[in-house]
Amino acid sequence: MRLSHILATSAALTLTSTAVLADKFVGYGSVDGWNVHIDTEKGTCLVETKDGLDNVIQMGLTEDRAIGYIGIFTKAETNIRTDVKQDVALLIGENLYVGEATGMRGNITKGYSGGYVLTEDPEVYEAIRRAPTMTVFPEKEYSFIVDLAGTAKALDLAKKCNEEQLQ
């Protein structure tokens, strides 16, 4: 299955300064280690968690709600460059999804770099809900595993949040 790619600046904006966060993002709730935020400018919601190594994982929708994004950001040393695309594969449960990741550095919280993928395929999020982990295979870097514990409840809360933003 193909993962779409479009610049999803909203994935990076949750890693901006606290002052900007206060204006742009409003806390909606928390569940099982995941926080749900309302993006007041886009009228959508996103889920976010931070692991024990300070890596940040985010998932949400673009402003038109047609495309979902998954972003992963780290303080670890990387060769990631802003807007540079590379092939990536995501192993979620028994499903392998192939697409492009777009790099981000410098326009997110100082010290973080990472990337995001976008998808129009709702099955990706269904797989994330069911799987305990997601293994990421970037084209140029080492593979790594993302703990997905709690995502089902977090995505349910984000769905409710998104529905409320439409009212």
Foldseek 3Di string as FASTA:
>chain_A
DEFDDDDACVVQVVQADPVVCVVQWDWDDDDPQKTKIQGVVLLAIKIWHADPQRKIWMWIAGSVRQKIKIKIKHLDDDPFDAQDKFWKWKCQPPDIYIYIWGKDDDSHHDSMITTMIMHNDVVVLVSLLPGQWMWMDTPPDDIDIGGSPPVNVVVVSRVVSSVVSVD
